[in-house]
Protein backbone atom coordinates (compact mmCIF):
# COMPACT_ATOMS: atom_id res chain seq x y z
CA MET A 1 20.84 30.15 29.71
CA GLY A 2 23.11 30.35 26.66
CA GLY A 3 22.24 30.16 23.05
CA PRO A 4 20.29 30.33 20.95
CA TYR A 5 21.12 26.83 19.72
CA ALA A 6 20.13 25.17 16.47
CA PRO A 7 17.09 22.92 17.08
CA LYS A 8 17.71 19.19 16.86
CA ASP A 9 14.08 18.33 16.08
CA ALA A 10 12.65 18.64 12.57
CA LEU A 11 11.47 22.17 11.85
CA LEU A 12 8.08 22.88 10.33
CA GLY A 13 8.70 23.28 6.61
CA GLY A 14 12.38 22.46 6.93
CA ARG A 15 15.24 24.89 6.44
CA PRO A 16 14.44 27.33 3.63
CA THR A 17 16.67 27.77 0.60
CA VAL A 18 16.94 30.71 -1.76
CA SER A 19 16.28 28.69 -4.92
CA PHE A 20 13.17 26.85 -3.68
CA ASP A 21 11.57 28.78 -0.82
CA VAL A 22 12.12 32.43 -1.76
CA PRO A 23 10.02 32.36 -5.00
CA ILE A 24 7.19 30.48 -3.28
CA CYS A 25 7.22 32.80 -0.26
CA ALA A 26 7.23 35.81 -2.60
CA VAL A 27 4.06 34.53 -4.32
CA PHE A 28 2.31 33.91 -1.00
CA LEU A 29 3.50 37.29 0.22
CA ALA A 30 1.77 39.03 -2.70
CA LEU A 31 -1.41 36.97 -2.19
CA PHE A 32 -1.62 37.72 1.54
CA ILE A 33 -0.98 41.42 0.94
CA ALA A 34 -3.85 41.46 -1.56
CA GLY A 35 -6.09 39.59 0.91
CA ALA A 36 -5.27 41.92 3.80
CA ALA A 37 -5.84 45.01 1.66
CA SER A 38 -9.16 43.67 0.32
CA HIS A 39 -10.58 42.83 3.75
CA MET A 40 -9.48 46.13 5.27
CA THR A 41 -10.92 48.08 2.33
CA LEU A 42 -14.23 46.23 2.70
CA PHE A 43 -14.25 46.87 6.44
CA ARG A 44 -13.60 50.60 6.09
CA CYS A 45 -16.15 51.06 3.28
CA TYR A 46 -18.95 49.44 5.25
CA LEU A 47 -17.87 51.09 8.50
CA ALA A 48 -18.38 54.46 6.79
CA ARG A 49 -21.96 53.35 6.07
CA GLY A 50 -22.57 52.37 9.69
CA HIS A 51 -22.18 48.64 9.00
CA LYS A 52 -19.53 47.48 11.48
CA PHE A 53 -18.23 43.93 11.02
CA ILE A 54 -15.12 43.36 13.13
CA PRO A 55 -14.19 39.92 11.64
CA SER A 56 -13.35 41.65 8.36
CA ALA A 57 -10.81 43.74 10.23
CA ILE A 58 -9.54 40.66 12.06
CA THR A 59 -8.98 38.91 8.73
CA PHE A 60 -6.58 41.78 8.12
CA GLY A 61 -4.61 39.69 10.62
CA CYS A 62 -3.28 37.72 7.65
CA MET A 63 -0.63 40.41 8.13
CA SER A 64 0.86 37.79 10.46
CA ARG A 65 1.24 35.53 7.42
CA ILE A 66 2.83 38.42 5.54
CA ILE A 67 5.40 38.76 8.32
CA ALA A 68 5.91 34.98 8.37
CA ASN A 69 6.77 34.94 4.67
CA ILE A 70 9.06 37.96 4.98
CA ILE A 71 10.94 36.36 7.86
CA ARG A 72 11.13 33.03 6.03
CA ILE A 73 12.68 34.80 3.01
CA SER A 74 15.14 36.49 5.36
CA TRP A 75 15.92 33.13 6.97
CA ALA A 76 16.60 31.59 3.56
CA CYS A 77 19.17 34.31 2.90
CA ARG A 78 20.73 33.89 6.37
CA VAL A 79 20.10 30.24 7.09
CA THR A 80 22.55 30.06 10.02
CA ASN A 81 20.84 32.85 11.97
CA ILE A 82 19.02 31.04 14.78
CA ARG A 83 17.15 34.15 15.98
CA ILE A 84 15.52 34.56 12.57
CA ALA A 85 14.67 30.84 12.66
CA ILE A 86 12.94 31.32 16.03
CA ALA A 87 10.86 34.23 14.71
CA ALA A 88 9.95 32.26 11.58
CA GLN A 89 8.73 29.27 13.59
CA ILE A 90 6.67 31.49 15.90
CA PHE A 91 4.85 33.30 13.09
CA VAL A 92 4.29 30.07 11.16
CA ALA A 93 2.73 28.46 14.26
CA ALA A 94 0.69 31.50 15.31
CA GLY A 95 -0.62 32.86 12.01
CA VAL A 96 -3.49 30.46 11.40
CA LEU A 97 -4.91 30.92 14.90
CA LEU A 98 -7.02 33.92 13.85
CA MET A 99 -8.76 31.79 11.20
CA PHE A 100 -9.60 29.15 13.81
CA ILE A 101 -11.14 31.78 16.07
CA LEU A 102 -13.13 33.47 13.27
CA ASN A 103 -14.70 30.24 12.04
CA LEU A 104 -15.53 29.29 15.61
CA ILE A 105 -17.19 32.71 16.09
CA PHE A 106 -19.32 32.16 12.98
CA ALA A 107 -20.38 28.72 14.20
CA GLN A 108 -21.12 30.18 17.64
CA ARG A 109 -23.40 32.82 16.09
CA MET A 110 -25.36 30.09 14.36
CA VAL A 111 -25.66 28.14 17.62
CA ARG A 112 -26.82 31.27 19.45
CA ALA A 113 -29.49 31.80 16.80
CA VAL A 114 -30.95 28.41 17.79
CA TYR A 115 -29.99 28.41 21.49
CA PRO A 116 -29.79 32.11 22.53
CA LYS A 117 -28.40 31.37 26.00
CA VAL A 118 -25.44 29.37 24.76
CA GLY A 119 -22.22 31.37 24.78
CA CYS A 120 -18.67 30.76 23.68
CA LEU A 121 -15.36 30.68 25.56
CA VAL A 122 -12.17 30.14 23.58
CA VAL A 123 -8.91 29.72 25.48
CA VAL A 124 -5.87 29.90 23.24
CA ASN A 125 -2.44 28.48 23.96
CA ILE A 126 -0.37 30.74 21.73
CA ILE A 127 1.69 32.07 24.67
CA ALA A 128 2.71 28.51 25.54
CA VAL A 129 3.78 27.88 21.93
CA ILE A 130 5.93 31.02 21.81
CA THR A 131 7.49 30.32 25.21
CA THR A 132 8.40 26.72 24.47
CA VAL A 133 9.72 27.45 20.96
CA VAL A 134 12.03 30.17 22.30
CA GLN A 135 13.08 28.25 25.41
CA SER A 136 13.85 25.04 23.48
CA MET A 137 16.38 26.97 21.37
CA TYR A 138 18.05 28.59 24.38
CA THR A 139 18.83 25.45 26.34
CA LEU A 140 20.77 22.20 25.89
CA ASN A 141 19.09 20.52 28.85
CA LYS A 142 17.53 17.30 27.53
CA ASN A 143 14.73 17.26 30.10
CA THR A 144 13.76 20.89 29.39
CA GLN A 145 13.73 20.22 25.65
CA ARG A 146 11.53 17.15 26.20
CA ILE A 147 9.07 19.18 28.29
CA ASP A 148 8.99 21.97 25.69
CA ARG A 149 8.35 19.43 22.95
CA ASP A 150 5.47 17.87 24.92
CA ILE A 151 3.90 21.29 25.46
CA GLN A 152 4.22 22.13 21.77
CA LEU A 153 2.53 18.84 20.81
CA TYR A 154 -0.26 19.56 23.30
CA CYS A 155 -0.79 23.06 21.88
CA LEU A 156 -0.82 21.82 18.29
CA THR A 157 -3.36 19.16 19.28
CA TYR A 158 -5.44 21.85 21.00
CA PHE A 159 -5.37 23.99 17.86
CA ALA A 160 -6.48 21.00 15.79
CA ILE A 161 -9.44 20.52 18.15
CA ILE A 162 -10.33 24.24 17.94
CA SER A 163 -10.26 24.04 14.14
CA PHE A 164 -12.60 21.03 14.28
CA LEU A 165 -15.12 22.47 16.77
CA PRO A 166 -17.21 24.47 14.23
CA LEU A 167 -18.15 21.25 12.41
CA PRO A 168 -20.04 19.57 15.31
CA LEU A 169 -21.50 22.95 16.29
CA VAL A 170 -22.99 23.41 12.81
CA LEU A 171 -24.22 19.81 12.90
CA LEU A 172 -25.92 20.64 16.21
CA VAL A 173 -27.66 23.58 14.55
CA VAL A 174 -28.77 21.56 11.52
CA LEU A 175 -30.17 18.69 13.62
CA SER A 176 -31.63 20.89 16.36
CA PRO A 177 -35.36 20.51 17.07
CA ASN A 178 -35.44 24.30 17.56
CA ARG A 179 -34.31 25.06 14.02
CA LYS A 180 -37.83 26.19 13.07
CA ARG A 181 -37.53 28.99 15.65
CA ILE A 182 -34.17 30.27 14.46
CA GLU A 183 -33.42 33.93 15.11
CA GLN A 184 -32.40 35.42 11.78
CA PHE A 185 -29.23 37.47 11.51
CA GLY A 186 -27.19 38.82 8.65
CA SER A 187 -28.29 38.28 5.07
CA GLY A 188 -28.25 35.24 2.84
CA SER A 189 -29.69 31.79 3.40
CA TRP A 190 -28.87 29.41 6.22
CA ILE A 191 -27.61 26.93 3.64
CA ALA A 192 -24.95 29.44 2.57
CA LYS A 193 -23.91 29.99 6.20
CA VAL A 194 -23.72 26.24 6.89
CA LEU A 195 -21.75 25.50 3.71
CA LEU A 196 -19.24 28.29 4.34
CA VAL A 197 -18.53 27.24 7.94
CA ILE A 198 -18.26 23.56 6.99
CA LEU A 199 -15.96 24.27 4.04
CA VAL A 200 -13.64 26.56 6.02
CA GLY A 201 -13.73 24.26 9.07
CA SER A 202 -12.79 21.24 6.96
CA LEU A 203 -9.88 23.09 5.33
CA LEU A 204 -8.56 24.44 8.63
CA CYS A 205 -8.94 21.07 10.33
CA LEU A 206 -7.06 19.42 7.47
CA GLY A 207 -4.25 21.95 7.72
CA ALA A 208 -4.06 21.72 11.53
CA SER A 209 -4.06 17.92 11.51
CA PHE A 210 -1.57 17.52 8.68
CA ARG A 211 1.83 19.00 9.41
CA ALA A 212 4.38 17.44 7.07
CA GLY A 213 8.13 17.78 6.93
CA THR A 214 8.39 18.02 3.16
CA LYS A 215 8.34 21.54 1.79
CA PRO A 216 5.61 21.09 -0.87
CA CYS A 217 3.20 19.73 1.74
CA PHE A 218 4.20 22.49 4.15
CA TYR A 219 3.32 25.24 1.67
CA ILE A 220 0.14 23.50 0.47
CA PHE A 221 -1.30 22.67 3.90
CA ASP A 222 -0.05 25.74 5.74
CA PHE A 223 0.09 28.89 3.59
CA GLY A 224 -2.00 27.42 0.76
CA ILE A 225 -5.00 26.60 2.95
CA ASP A 226 -4.69 29.94 4.76
CA ILE A 227 -4.85 32.04 1.60
CA LEU A 228 -7.75 29.88 0.35
CA VAL A 229 -9.67 30.58 3.57
CA VAL A 230 -8.94 34.31 3.27
CA ALA A 231 -10.35 34.23 -0.27
CA ILE A 232 -13.44 32.26 0.83
CA PHE A 233 -14.11 34.79 3.58
CA LEU A 234 -13.75 37.64 1.08
CA PHE A 235 -15.83 36.29 -1.82
CA GLY A 236 -18.26 34.49 0.49
CA ARG A 237 -19.16 37.93 1.92
CA ILE A 238 -18.90 37.02 5.58
CA ASP A 239 -19.63 40.68 6.34
CA GLN A 240 -23.18 40.06 5.06
CA LEU A 241 -23.77 36.43 6.07
CA PHE A 242 -22.66 36.67 9.70
CA TRP A 243 -23.34 40.29 10.58
CA VAL A 244 -25.24 40.71 13.85
CA PRO A 245 -26.72 43.91 15.33
CA ASN A 246 -24.63 45.92 17.76
CA GLY A 247 -25.27 44.93 21.37
CA SER A 248 -26.43 41.38 20.63
CA SER A 249 -23.64 39.90 22.75
CA LYS A 250 -24.95 41.75 25.81
CA VAL A 251 -28.54 40.54 25.50
CA CYS A 252 -27.62 37.09 24.08
CA HIS A 253 -30.16 37.24 21.24
CA TYR A 254 -30.74 38.89 17.88
CA ARG A 255 -34.46 39.57 18.22
CA GLY A 256 -35.52 43.09 17.40
CA LEU A 257 -32.07 44.64 17.65
CA GLU A 258 -31.74 45.19 13.91
CA ASP A 259 -35.30 46.55 13.75
CA ASN A 260 -34.52 48.89 16.65
CA GLU A 261 -31.46 50.22 14.83
CA LYS A 262 -33.47 50.75 11.66
CA ALA A 263 -36.27 52.37 13.62
CA SER A 264 -33.80 54.69 15.31
CA GLN A 265 -32.31 55.68 11.96
CA SER A 266 -35.79 56.17 10.50
CA ALA A 267 -36.77 58.33 13.46
CA GLN A 268 -33.70 60.48 12.93
CA ASN A 269 -34.53 60.77 9.24
CA ARG A 270 -38.13 61.64 10.00
CA GLN A 271 -36.95 64.23 12.50
CA GLY A 272 -34.79 65.80 9.83
CA GLU A 273 -37.61 65.64 7.31
CA GLY A 274 -39.98 67.01 9.92
CA GLY A 275 -37.80 70.07 10.31
CA HIS A 276 -37.93 70.67 6.55
CA ASP A 277 -41.70 70.10 6.54
CA LEU A 278 -42.15 72.60 9.38
CA GLU A 279 -40.20 75.22 7.48
CA SER A 280 -42.21 74.62 4.30
CA ARG A 281 -45.48 74.74 6.21
CA SER A 282 -44.54 77.98 7.95
CA SER A 283 -43.52 79.56 4.67
CA SER A 284 -46.80 78.49 2.99
CA LEU A 285 -48.74 79.83 5.97
CA SER A 286 -46.92 83.16 5.63
CA ARG A 287 -47.83 83.31 1.96
CA ASP A 288 -51.48 82.61 2.76
CA LEU A 289 -51.54 85.37 5.37
CA VAL A 290 -50.00 87.82 2.88
CA GLU A 291 -52.59 86.91 0.24
CA GLU A 292 -55.44 87.35 2.74
CA ALA A 293 -54.04 90.72 3.85
CA ASN A 294 -53.93 91.86 0.22
């Protein structure tokens, strides 16, 4: 296997140029850095208070978009470097996957609140995307390139379906006859949860379904939608809306787990207070005995 060879198919976003792509990538780079820093700061602050919400840390995964923009800027400066082009295509294709998974997790938590026994299994095809992108640029065999292209189209279609899945799941929750017996989790109203999942799902589905060759559409529907979703997750306070008690995935329900955690914390507090009360009582008893002896 020789190569790498320049791809003959149209590349996602086209070949970058210094005059057009570098300023736009620099703006998105700053926005994604701010988003990653904000989500990680929020995660660490609440983790210090005993409020663990892993999706906030996962949203720090917009670091993959930071790398994608850095590599795309590098590619614009060295447009003939095929290895940089390969890396750019991989990070562009893989970056949004975390958003798909997060929104699907939020929809799954809402479904579990109505149907506690329903679980979630997400199989991702990112390895197939990376393999076919790399292999297609290291071979001139027409049949191999055709197979790689078919696999890439399948994976992109799969990602589009994954991005769409939260919408029917939320519709299932809204129309469920069991919605009056919903297990509450997190804070905020169910309307806020439904609206956030539907809004993010619609944006991600739009971006996954619309992959254009022109550069303005590429930046709007790829990086633009991603940074908008990161901002929605941040200001929509997903760490409050979709927080579930620790251990809920093992028992497949939310009932009583939060109360148990609060009761455990209260018991520890009472134990500490009880120690102080015991000391104060013993000291008052000693004073009484001294007064009686006098």
